[in-house]
Amino acid sequence: MGAINLQGENIALRALEPEDLEFLFSVENDTAGWELSNTQAPFSKHILKQYLANAHQDIYEAKQLRLVITHKTDKKLVGFIDLFEFDPKNRRAGVGLMLVANERNKGFGKEALQLLCEYAIAAFDLHQLFANITSDNLASIALFEKQGFSRIGNKKDWNISKGNYKDELLYQYIKG
């Protein structure tokens, strides 16, 4: 296997560090993103410190991996990208991506998704990746489709937000 690259042209992916607590706290407690993560209550710093303390767990043990997206030059934190529901037997995992609002539409999501997909396939020998995207999240739909993910399903009235049900679309990338 060749070298695994977690450095893009403008961003880099890295493991969580204890110093990420304030950023993690602000992102996880931003109610604007709760709909996407199915969060219903704020996280305390104590709980997030515990999460960071256990972030070293191997993906085979935790079944998930969260990486921080940073600017390559100044190391400023841009967002997170995750592998979740890691299933080594069936060689698949879900992908989640979150960028802070003022860092969107700059190409960072595209770069992070491309790096993560290449990394996941090379490091964990994954055959496929999937993503769950609400039907009104047009930016994420466009991003995943440009990265080669195909829409394979529509979960009708899957999530409720502000009293309205939304469909959730299932996207899949299968290694060629």
N, C-alpha and C. Protein backbone atom coordinates (compact mmCIF):
# COMPACT_ATOMS: atom_id res chain seq x y z
N MET A 1 0.86 -1.17 0.00
CA MET A 1 0.00 0.00 0.00
C MET A 1 0.90 1.23 0.00
N GLY A 2 0.57 2.21 -0.83
CA GLY A 2 1.34 3.45 -0.90
C GLY A 2 1.06 4.33 0.30
N ALA A 3 1.72 5.46 0.32
CA ALA A 3 1.54 6.41 1.41
C ALA A 3 0.12 6.95 1.41
N ILE A 4 -0.44 7.11 2.60
CA ILE A 4 -1.78 7.66 2.75
C ILE A 4 -1.64 9.15 3.00
N ASN A 5 -2.34 9.93 2.20
CA ASN A 5 -2.20 11.38 2.26
C ASN A 5 -3.43 12.00 2.93
N LEU A 6 -3.21 12.73 4.00
CA LEU A 6 -4.28 13.46 4.66
C LEU A 6 -4.08 14.97 4.49
N GLN A 7 -3.25 15.34 3.51
CA GLN A 7 -2.97 16.74 3.21
C GLN A 7 -3.49 17.04 1.82
N GLY A 8 -4.33 18.05 1.72
CA GLY A 8 -4.79 18.50 0.42
C GLY A 8 -4.06 19.75 0.00
N GLU A 9 -4.57 20.40 -1.02
CA GLU A 9 -3.97 21.64 -1.49
C GLU A 9 -4.16 22.76 -0.47
N ASN A 10 -5.37 22.81 0.13
CA ASN A 10 -5.70 23.91 1.05
C ASN A 10 -6.01 23.49 2.47
N ILE A 11 -6.30 22.21 2.67
CA ILE A 11 -6.69 21.73 3.99
C ILE A 11 -5.91 20.47 4.35
N ALA A 12 -5.99 20.12 5.62
CA ALA A 12 -5.41 18.87 6.12
C ALA A 12 -6.42 18.23 7.06
N LEU A 13 -6.37 16.93 7.16
CA LEU A 13 -7.19 16.19 8.12
C LEU A 13 -6.26 15.67 9.21
N ARG A 14 -6.71 15.76 10.45
CA ARG A 14 -5.89 15.26 11.56
C ARG A 14 -6.80 14.73 12.66
N ALA A 15 -6.19 13.99 13.57
CA ALA A 15 -6.91 13.43 14.72
C ALA A 15 -7.32 14.55 15.67
N LEU A 16 -8.33 14.26 16.48
CA LEU A 16 -8.76 15.18 17.54
C LEU A 16 -7.66 15.31 18.59
N GLU A 17 -7.53 16.50 19.14
CA GLU A 17 -6.58 16.79 20.20
C GLU A 17 -7.32 17.42 21.37
N PRO A 18 -6.78 17.33 22.60
CA PRO A 18 -7.42 17.98 23.74
C PRO A 18 -7.64 19.48 23.54
N GLU A 19 -6.74 20.11 22.78
CA GLU A 19 -6.87 21.55 22.53
C GLU A 19 -8.08 21.91 21.67
N ASP A 20 -8.74 20.91 21.09
CA ASP A 20 -9.91 21.14 20.23
C ASP A 20 -11.19 21.32 21.04
N LEU A 21 -11.10 21.27 22.37
CA LEU A 21 -12.29 21.30 23.22
C LEU A 21 -13.19 22.50 22.93
N GLU A 22 -12.65 23.70 22.90
CA GLU A 22 -13.49 24.90 22.70
C GLU A 22 -14.18 24.87 21.34
N PHE A 23 -13.45 24.46 20.29
CA PHE A 23 -14.03 24.38 18.96
C PHE A 23 -15.13 23.32 18.93
N LEU A 24 -14.84 22.15 19.49
CA LEU A 24 -15.82 21.07 19.56
C LEU A 24 -17.06 21.52 20.32
N PHE A 25 -16.85 22.20 21.44
CA PHE A 25 -17.96 22.71 22.26
C PHE A 25 -18.83 23.68 21.45
N SER A 26 -18.21 24.59 20.72
CA SER A 26 -18.99 25.57 19.95
C SER A 26 -19.74 24.90 18.79
N VAL A 27 -19.12 23.94 18.13
CA VAL A 27 -19.77 23.26 17.01
C VAL A 27 -20.91 22.37 17.50
N GLU A 28 -20.65 21.55 18.50
CA GLU A 28 -21.67 20.61 18.98
C GLU A 28 -22.86 21.33 19.63
N ASN A 29 -22.65 22.52 20.13
CA ASN A 29 -23.74 23.25 20.79
C ASN A 29 -24.35 24.34 19.92
N ASP A 30 -24.00 24.36 18.65
CA ASP A 30 -24.62 25.27 17.69
C ASP A 30 -25.93 24.64 17.23
N THR A 31 -27.03 25.16 17.70
CA THR A 31 -28.34 24.55 17.43
C THR A 31 -28.67 24.49 15.94
N ALA A 32 -28.03 25.31 15.12
CA ALA A 32 -28.28 25.28 13.67
C ALA A 32 -27.90 23.94 13.07
N GLY A 33 -26.94 23.24 13.66
CA GLY A 33 -26.51 21.96 13.14
C GLY A 33 -27.18 20.76 13.77
N TRP A 34 -27.99 20.97 14.77
CA TRP A 34 -28.59 19.85 15.49
C TRP A 34 -29.49 18.99 14.61
N GLU A 35 -30.16 19.61 13.67
CA GLU A 35 -31.05 18.84 12.80
C GLU A 35 -30.26 17.77 12.04
N LEU A 36 -29.06 18.11 11.60
CA LEU A 36 -28.25 17.17 10.82
C LEU A 36 -27.70 16.04 11.67
N SER A 37 -27.43 16.32 12.93
CA SER A 37 -26.83 15.30 13.79
C SER A 37 -27.83 14.63 14.73
N ASN A 38 -29.09 15.00 14.62
CA ASN A 38 -30.14 14.47 15.50
C ASN A 38 -29.86 14.75 16.96
N THR A 39 -29.19 15.86 17.23
CA THR A 39 -28.90 16.28 18.60
C THR A 39 -30.14 16.99 19.16
N GLN A 40 -30.45 16.73 20.42
CA GLN A 40 -31.62 17.35 21.02
C GLN A 40 -31.31 18.14 22.28
N ALA A 41 -30.09 18.03 22.76
CA ALA A 41 -29.71 18.74 23.99
C ALA A 41 -28.24 19.14 23.89
N PRO A 42 -27.87 20.22 24.56
CA PRO A 42 -26.47 20.65 24.50
C PRO A 42 -25.53 19.68 25.21
N PHE A 43 -24.26 19.73 24.80
CA PHE A 43 -23.22 18.93 25.42
C PHE A 43 -22.45 19.79 26.41
N SER A 44 -22.12 19.22 27.56
CA SER A 44 -21.30 19.93 28.54
C SER A 44 -19.83 19.79 28.15
N LYS A 45 -19.01 20.69 28.64
CA LYS A 45 -17.57 20.57 28.41
C LYS A 45 -17.03 19.31 29.06
N HIS A 46 -17.59 18.92 30.19
CA HIS A 46 -17.16 17.70 30.87
C HIS A 46 -17.35 16.48 29.95
N ILE A 47 -18.52 16.35 29.35
CA ILE A 47 -18.81 15.23 28.46
C ILE A 47 -17.87 15.27 27.25
N LEU A 48 -17.65 16.45 26.70
CA LEU A 48 -16.78 16.57 25.53
C LEU A 48 -15.32 16.29 25.89
N LYS A 49 -14.90 16.62 27.10
CA LYS A 49 -13.54 16.27 27.55
C LYS A 49 -13.40 14.75 27.60
N GLN A 50 -14.42 14.07 28.10
CA GLN A 50 -14.40 12.61 28.14
C GLN A 50 -14.34 12.03 26.73
N TYR A 51 -15.12 12.63 25.82
CA TYR A 51 -15.11 12.19 24.43
C TYR A 51 -13.70 12.34 23.84
N LEU A 52 -13.09 13.50 24.07
CA LEU A 52 -11.73 13.72 23.57
C LEU A 52 -10.73 12.75 24.20
N ALA A 53 -10.92 12.44 25.46
CA ALA A 53 -10.01 11.52 26.14
C ALA A 53 -10.08 10.11 25.53
N ASN A 54 -11.24 9.77 24.96
CA ASN A 54 -11.42 8.45 24.35
C ASN A 54 -11.28 8.47 22.84
N ALA A 55 -10.97 9.63 22.27
CA ALA A 55 -10.88 9.76 20.81
C ALA A 55 -9.74 8.95 20.22
N HIS A 56 -8.83 8.48 21.07
CA HIS A 56 -7.71 7.66 20.61
C HIS A 56 -8.14 6.24 20.26
N GLN A 57 -9.38 5.87 20.63
CA GLN A 57 -9.82 4.50 20.38
C GLN A 57 -9.71 4.16 18.90
N ASP A 58 -9.29 2.96 18.64
CA ASP A 58 -9.15 2.45 17.29
C ASP A 58 -10.53 2.39 16.62
N ILE A 59 -10.58 2.65 15.33
CA ILE A 59 -11.85 2.61 14.59
C ILE A 59 -12.50 1.23 14.69
N TYR A 60 -11.70 0.18 14.81
CA TYR A 60 -12.25 -1.18 14.92
C TYR A 60 -12.95 -1.38 16.25
N GLU A 61 -12.53 -0.65 17.26
CA GLU A 61 -13.16 -0.72 18.58
C GLU A 61 -14.35 0.24 18.68
N ALA A 62 -14.14 1.48 18.27
CA ALA A 62 -15.16 2.52 18.42
C ALA A 62 -16.21 2.49 17.31
N LYS A 63 -15.87 1.90 16.17
CA LYS A 63 -16.75 1.86 14.98
C LYS A 63 -16.99 3.23 14.39
N GLN A 64 -16.15 4.19 14.77
CA GLN A 64 -16.25 5.54 14.21
C GLN A 64 -14.88 6.21 14.29
N LEU A 65 -14.72 7.24 13.47
CA LEU A 65 -13.49 8.01 13.45
C LEU A 65 -13.85 9.45 13.09
N ARG A 66 -13.47 10.39 13.92
CA ARG A 66 -13.70 11.80 13.64
C ARG A 66 -12.35 12.46 13.41
N LEU A 67 -12.26 13.18 12.30
CA LEU A 67 -11.05 13.92 11.97
C LEU A 67 -11.38 15.40 11.92
N VAL A 68 -10.42 16.21 12.29
CA VAL A 68 -10.56 17.66 12.24
C VAL A 68 -10.06 18.14 10.88
N ILE A 69 -10.80 19.06 10.29
CA ILE A 69 -10.38 19.69 9.04
C ILE A 69 -9.75 21.03 9.41
N THR A 70 -8.50 21.24 8.97
CA THR A 70 -7.80 22.48 9.28
C THR A 70 -7.29 23.13 7.99
N HIS A 71 -7.14 24.45 8.04
CA HIS A 71 -6.42 25.14 6.97
C HIS A 71 -5.01 24.58 6.96
N LYS A 72 -4.48 24.34 5.81
CA LYS A 72 -3.15 23.73 5.71
C LYS A 72 -2.06 24.69 6.19
N THR A 73 -2.22 25.98 5.90
CA THR A 73 -1.15 26.92 6.23
C THR A 73 -1.19 27.39 7.68
N ASP A 74 -2.31 27.95 8.12
CA ASP A 74 -2.35 28.51 9.47
C ASP A 74 -2.95 27.56 10.52
N LYS A 75 -3.36 26.36 10.11
CA LYS A 75 -3.90 25.32 11.02
C LYS A 75 -5.23 25.72 11.66
N LYS A 76 -5.88 26.77 11.17
CA LYS A 76 -7.18 27.19 11.70
C LYS A 76 -8.20 26.06 11.49
N LEU A 77 -9.03 25.81 12.50
CA LEU A 77 -10.02 24.74 12.44
C LEU A 77 -11.19 25.16 11.54
N VAL A 78 -11.55 24.28 10.63
CA VAL A 78 -12.57 24.54 9.63
C VAL A 78 -13.83 23.72 9.87
N GLY A 79 -13.67 22.49 10.37
CA GLY A 79 -14.81 21.61 10.59
C GLY A 79 -14.36 20.21 10.96
N PHE A 80 -15.29 19.28 10.79
CA PHE A 80 -15.05 17.87 11.10
C PHE A 80 -15.52 17.01 9.94
N ILE A 81 -14.88 15.87 9.78
CA ILE A 81 -15.34 14.85 8.85
C ILE A 81 -15.24 13.51 9.57
N ASP A 82 -16.27 12.71 9.44
CA ASP A 82 -16.38 11.48 10.23
C ASP A 82 -16.59 10.25 9.36
N LEU A 83 -16.10 9.14 9.86
CA LEU A 83 -16.54 7.82 9.44
C LEU A 83 -17.37 7.28 10.60
N PHE A 84 -18.53 6.73 10.31
CA PHE A 84 -19.38 6.17 11.36
C PHE A 84 -20.00 4.88 10.85
N GLU A 85 -20.58 4.11 11.77
CA GLU A 85 -21.14 2.79 11.44
C GLU A 85 -20.13 1.97 10.65
N PHE A 86 -18.87 2.05 11.08
CA PHE A 86 -17.80 1.30 10.43
C PHE A 86 -18.10 -0.19 10.56
N ASP A 87 -18.13 -0.86 9.44
CA ASP A 87 -18.45 -2.29 9.38
C ASP A 87 -17.34 -3.01 8.61
N PRO A 88 -16.30 -3.48 9.33
CA PRO A 88 -15.17 -4.10 8.63
C PRO A 88 -15.53 -5.40 7.92
N LYS A 89 -16.50 -6.13 8.44
CA LYS A 89 -16.90 -7.39 7.79
C LYS A 89 -17.44 -7.12 6.39
N ASN A 90 -18.33 -6.14 6.28
CA ASN A 90 -18.94 -5.84 4.99
C ASN A 90 -18.20 -4.72 4.25
N ARG A 91 -17.10 -4.24 4.87
CA ARG A 91 -16.20 -3.25 4.27
C ARG A 91 -16.94 -1.98 3.84
N ARG A 92 -17.64 -1.37 4.81
CA ARG A 92 -18.35 -0.12 4.53
C ARG A 92 -18.36 0.78 5.76
N ALA A 93 -18.64 2.06 5.50
CA ALA A 93 -18.78 3.04 6.58
C ALA A 93 -19.58 4.22 6.05
N GLY A 94 -20.23 4.91 6.99
CA GLY A 94 -20.92 6.15 6.66
C GLY A 94 -19.95 7.31 6.74
N VAL A 95 -20.30 8.39 6.04
CA VAL A 95 -19.48 9.60 6.02
C VAL A 95 -20.34 10.77 6.48
N GLY A 96 -19.82 11.55 7.41
CA GLY A 96 -20.47 12.78 7.84
C GLY A 96 -19.49 13.94 7.71
N LEU A 97 -19.98 15.09 7.32
CA LEU A 97 -19.13 16.26 7.09
C LEU A 97 -19.82 17.49 7.64
N MET A 98 -19.06 18.31 8.37
CA MET A 98 -19.59 19.56 8.90
C MET A 98 -18.51 20.62 8.81
N LEU A 99 -18.85 21.72 8.16
CA LEU A 99 -17.96 22.88 8.09
C LEU A 99 -18.63 24.03 8.83
N VAL A 100 -17.83 24.84 9.54
CA VAL A 100 -18.41 26.01 10.18
C VAL A 100 -18.91 26.95 9.08
N ALA A 101 -19.94 27.72 9.40
CA ALA A 101 -20.66 28.50 8.39
C ALA A 101 -19.75 29.40 7.56
N ASN A 102 -18.82 30.09 8.19
CA ASN A 102 -17.99 31.04 7.44
C ASN A 102 -16.89 30.36 6.62
N GLU A 103 -16.81 29.04 6.64
CA GLU A 103 -15.80 28.31 5.86
C GLU A 103 -16.43 27.50 4.73
N ARG A 104 -17.73 27.66 4.51
CA ARG A 104 -18.42 26.93 3.44
C ARG A 104 -18.23 27.64 2.10
N ASN A 105 -18.44 26.89 1.04
CA ASN A 105 -18.35 27.41 -0.34
C ASN A 105 -16.95 27.91 -0.70
N LYS A 106 -15.94 27.28 -0.11
CA LYS A 106 -14.55 27.64 -0.41
C LYS A 106 -13.78 26.44 -0.98
N GLY A 107 -14.48 25.33 -1.19
CA GLY A 107 -13.82 24.13 -1.71
C GLY A 107 -13.26 23.21 -0.65
N PHE A 108 -13.37 23.61 0.63
CA PHE A 108 -12.82 22.79 1.71
C PHE A 108 -13.57 21.47 1.87
N GLY A 109 -14.89 21.50 1.72
CA GLY A 109 -15.68 20.28 1.84
C GLY A 109 -15.32 19.27 0.76
N LYS A 110 -15.17 19.75 -0.46
CA LYS A 110 -14.79 18.88 -1.57
C LYS A 110 -13.44 18.23 -1.30
N GLU A 111 -12.49 19.04 -0.88
CA GLU A 111 -11.15 18.53 -0.61
C GLU A 111 -11.15 17.53 0.54
N ALA A 112 -11.87 17.85 1.61
CA ALA A 112 -11.93 16.95 2.77
C ALA A 112 -12.60 15.64 2.41
N LEU A 113 -13.70 15.70 1.67
CA LEU A 113 -14.41 14.48 1.28
C LEU A 113 -13.53 13.61 0.39
N GLN A 114 -12.83 14.22 -0.54
CA GLN A 114 -11.95 13.45 -1.42
C GLN A 114 -10.84 12.78 -0.61
N LEU A 115 -10.20 13.54 0.29
CA LEU A 115 -9.14 12.97 1.12
C LEU A 115 -9.66 11.83 1.99
N LEU A 116 -10.83 12.04 2.61
CA LEU A 116 -11.38 11.00 3.49
C LEU A 116 -11.71 9.74 2.71
N CYS A 117 -12.33 9.88 1.55
CA CYS A 117 -12.69 8.71 0.76
C CYS A 117 -11.44 7.92 0.37
N GLU A 118 -10.42 8.61 -0.10
CA GLU A 118 -9.16 7.94 -0.47
C GLU A 118 -8.54 7.26 0.75
N TYR A 119 -8.53 7.95 1.88
CA TYR A 119 -7.97 7.40 3.11
C TYR A 119 -8.74 6.17 3.58
N ALA A 120 -10.07 6.26 3.62
CA ALA A 120 -10.89 5.16 4.11
C ALA A 120 -10.73 3.90 3.27
N ILE A 121 -10.67 4.09 1.98
CA ILE A 121 -10.51 2.94 1.07
C ILE A 121 -9.12 2.34 1.22
N ALA A 122 -8.10 3.18 1.28
CA ALA A 122 -6.72 2.67 1.38
C ALA A 122 -6.41 2.09 2.76
N ALA A 123 -6.78 2.79 3.81
CA ALA A 123 -6.39 2.38 5.17
C ALA A 123 -7.22 1.22 5.71
N PHE A 124 -8.50 1.17 5.34
CA PHE A 124 -9.40 0.18 5.93
C PHE A 124 -9.97 -0.80 4.90
N ASP A 125 -9.47 -0.70 3.66
CA ASP A 125 -9.90 -1.60 2.58
C ASP A 125 -11.42 -1.60 2.42
N LEU A 126 -12.01 -0.41 2.51
CA LEU A 126 -13.46 -0.33 2.37
C LEU A 126 -13.88 -0.50 0.91
N HIS A 127 -15.00 -1.16 0.73
CA HIS A 127 -15.58 -1.35 -0.60
C HIS A 127 -16.57 -0.24 -0.91
N GLN A 128 -17.21 0.30 0.15
CA GLN A 128 -18.21 1.33 -0.09
C GLN A 128 -18.33 2.29 1.08
N LEU A 129 -18.80 3.49 0.74
CA LEU A 129 -19.09 4.54 1.70
C LEU A 129 -20.51 5.01 1.43
N PHE A 130 -21.18 5.48 2.49
CA PHE A 130 -22.53 5.99 2.30
C PHE A 130 -22.72 7.28 3.08
N ALA A 131 -23.72 8.03 2.67
CA ALA A 131 -24.05 9.29 3.34
C ALA A 131 -25.56 9.45 3.38
N ASN A 132 -26.05 9.99 4.49
CA ASN A 132 -27.48 10.31 4.65
C ASN A 132 -27.60 11.82 4.60
N ILE A 133 -28.39 12.33 3.66
CA ILE A 133 -28.49 13.77 3.44
C ILE A 133 -29.96 14.16 3.34
N THR A 134 -30.38 15.18 4.11
CA THR A 134 -31.77 15.63 3.99
C THR A 134 -32.00 16.20 2.60
N SER A 135 -33.21 16.00 2.11
CA SER A 135 -33.52 16.36 0.72
C SER A 135 -33.42 17.85 0.44
N ASP A 136 -33.45 18.68 1.47
CA ASP A 136 -33.33 20.13 1.25
C ASP A 136 -31.89 20.63 1.39
N ASN A 137 -30.94 19.76 1.64
CA ASN A 137 -29.53 20.15 1.78
C ASN A 137 -28.86 20.07 0.40
N LEU A 138 -29.20 21.02 -0.44
CA LEU A 138 -28.76 20.99 -1.84
C LEU A 138 -27.24 21.10 -1.98
N ALA A 139 -26.59 21.85 -1.10
CA ALA A 139 -25.13 21.98 -1.18
C ALA A 139 -24.46 20.63 -0.93
N SER A 140 -24.93 19.88 0.08
CA SER A 140 -24.33 18.57 0.37
C SER A 140 -24.64 17.57 -0.74
N ILE A 141 -25.86 17.62 -1.26
CA ILE A 141 -26.21 16.73 -2.37
C ILE A 141 -25.26 16.96 -3.54
N ALA A 142 -25.06 18.21 -3.91
CA ALA A 142 -24.16 18.54 -5.02
C ALA A 142 -22.74 18.07 -4.73
N LEU A 143 -22.27 18.32 -3.51
CA LEU A 143 -20.91 17.93 -3.12
C LEU A 143 -20.71 16.43 -3.24
N PHE A 144 -21.60 15.64 -2.67
CA PHE A 144 -21.43 14.19 -2.69
C PHE A 144 -21.58 13.64 -4.11
N GLU A 145 -22.51 14.20 -4.88
CA GLU A 145 -22.66 13.73 -6.26
C GLU A 145 -21.41 14.03 -7.08
N LYS A 146 -20.80 15.19 -6.87
CA LYS A 146 -19.56 15.53 -7.60
C LYS A 146 -18.42 14.60 -7.21
N GLN A 147 -18.46 14.04 -6.01
CA GLN A 147 -17.42 13.10 -5.56
C GLN A 147 -17.71 11.67 -5.99
N GLY A 148 -18.76 11.45 -6.78
CA GLY A 148 -19.04 10.12 -7.30
C GLY A 148 -20.03 9.30 -6.49
N PHE A 149 -20.66 9.92 -5.48
CA PHE A 149 -21.71 9.22 -4.73
C PHE A 149 -22.99 9.22 -5.58
N SER A 150 -23.70 8.11 -5.56
CA SER A 150 -24.96 7.98 -6.28
C SER A 150 -26.12 7.90 -5.31
N ARG A 151 -27.21 8.55 -5.67
CA ARG A 151 -28.43 8.46 -4.85
C ARG A 151 -29.05 7.09 -5.08
N ILE A 152 -29.23 6.35 -3.98
CA ILE A 152 -29.77 5.00 -4.10
C ILE A 152 -31.08 4.81 -3.35
N GLY A 153 -31.50 5.83 -2.60
CA GLY A 153 -32.74 5.66 -1.85
C GLY A 153 -33.26 6.97 -1.31
N ASN A 154 -34.54 6.92 -0.96
CA ASN A 154 -35.22 8.08 -0.38
C ASN A 154 -36.06 7.58 0.79
N LYS A 155 -35.69 8.01 1.99
CA LYS A 155 -36.45 7.64 3.18
C LYS A 155 -37.48 8.75 3.41
N LYS A 156 -38.72 8.46 3.11
CA LYS A 156 -39.81 9.43 3.17
C LYS A 156 -40.09 9.85 4.61
N ASP A 157 -40.32 11.16 4.80
CA ASP A 157 -40.70 11.71 6.11
C ASP A 157 -39.81 11.17 7.23
N TRP A 158 -38.51 11.09 6.99
CA TRP A 158 -37.58 10.43 7.90
C TRP A 158 -37.29 11.24 9.15
N ASN A 159 -37.13 12.55 8.99
CA ASN A 159 -36.79 13.42 10.12
C ASN A 159 -37.79 14.55 10.23
N ILE A 160 -38.07 14.96 11.46
CA ILE A 160 -38.96 16.08 11.68
C ILE A 160 -38.14 17.29 12.13
N SER A 161 -38.45 18.43 11.55
CA SER A 161 -37.75 19.66 11.88
C SER A 161 -38.76 20.80 11.90
N LYS A 162 -38.86 21.45 13.05
CA LYS A 162 -39.79 22.57 13.21
C LYS A 162 -41.21 22.21 12.77
N GLY A 163 -41.62 21.00 13.13
CA GLY A 163 -42.97 20.55 12.84
C GLY A 163 -43.20 20.00 11.45
N ASN A 164 -42.18 19.99 10.61
CA ASN A 164 -42.32 19.47 9.24
C ASN A 164 -41.42 18.26 9.04
N TYR A 165 -41.96 17.27 8.36
CA TYR A 165 -41.16 16.10 8.04
C TYR A 165 -40.33 16.36 6.79
N LYS A 166 -39.12 15.79 6.80
CA LYS A 166 -38.23 15.91 5.65
C LYS A 166 -37.79 14.51 5.23
N ASP A 167 -37.64 14.35 3.93
CA ASP A 167 -37.08 13.11 3.41
C ASP A 167 -35.57 13.11 3.66
N GLU A 168 -35.03 11.93 3.82
CA GLU A 168 -33.58 11.77 3.91
C GLU A 168 -33.14 10.90 2.75
N LEU A 169 -32.17 11.38 2.00
CA LEU A 169 -31.68 10.67 0.83
C LEU A 169 -30.46 9.84 1.22
N LEU A 170 -30.35 8.67 0.65
CA LEU A 170 -29.22 7.79 0.90
C LEU A 170 -28.33 7.78 -0.32
N TYR A 171 -27.07 8.16 -0.10
CA TYR A 171 -26.07 8.19 -1.16
C TYR A 171 -25.01 7.12 -0.88
N GLN A 172 -24.47 6.57 -1.97
CA GLN A 172 -23.50 5.49 -1.83
C GLN A 172 -22.39 5.66 -2.86
N TYR A 173 -21.18 5.38 -2.40
CA TYR A 173 -20.02 5.33 -3.30
C TYR A 173 -19.45 3.93 -3.21
N ILE A 174 -19.33 3.26 -4.35
CA ILE A 174 -18.74 1.94 -4.38
C ILE A 174 -17.42 2.02 -5.12
N LYS A 175 -16.38 1.49 -4.46
CA LYS A 175 -15.03 1.52 -5.03
C LYS A 175 -15.05 0.87 -6.40
N GLY A 176 -14.49 1.57 -7.37
CA GLY A 176 -14.49 1.09 -8.77
C GLY A 176 -13.51 0.02 -9.08
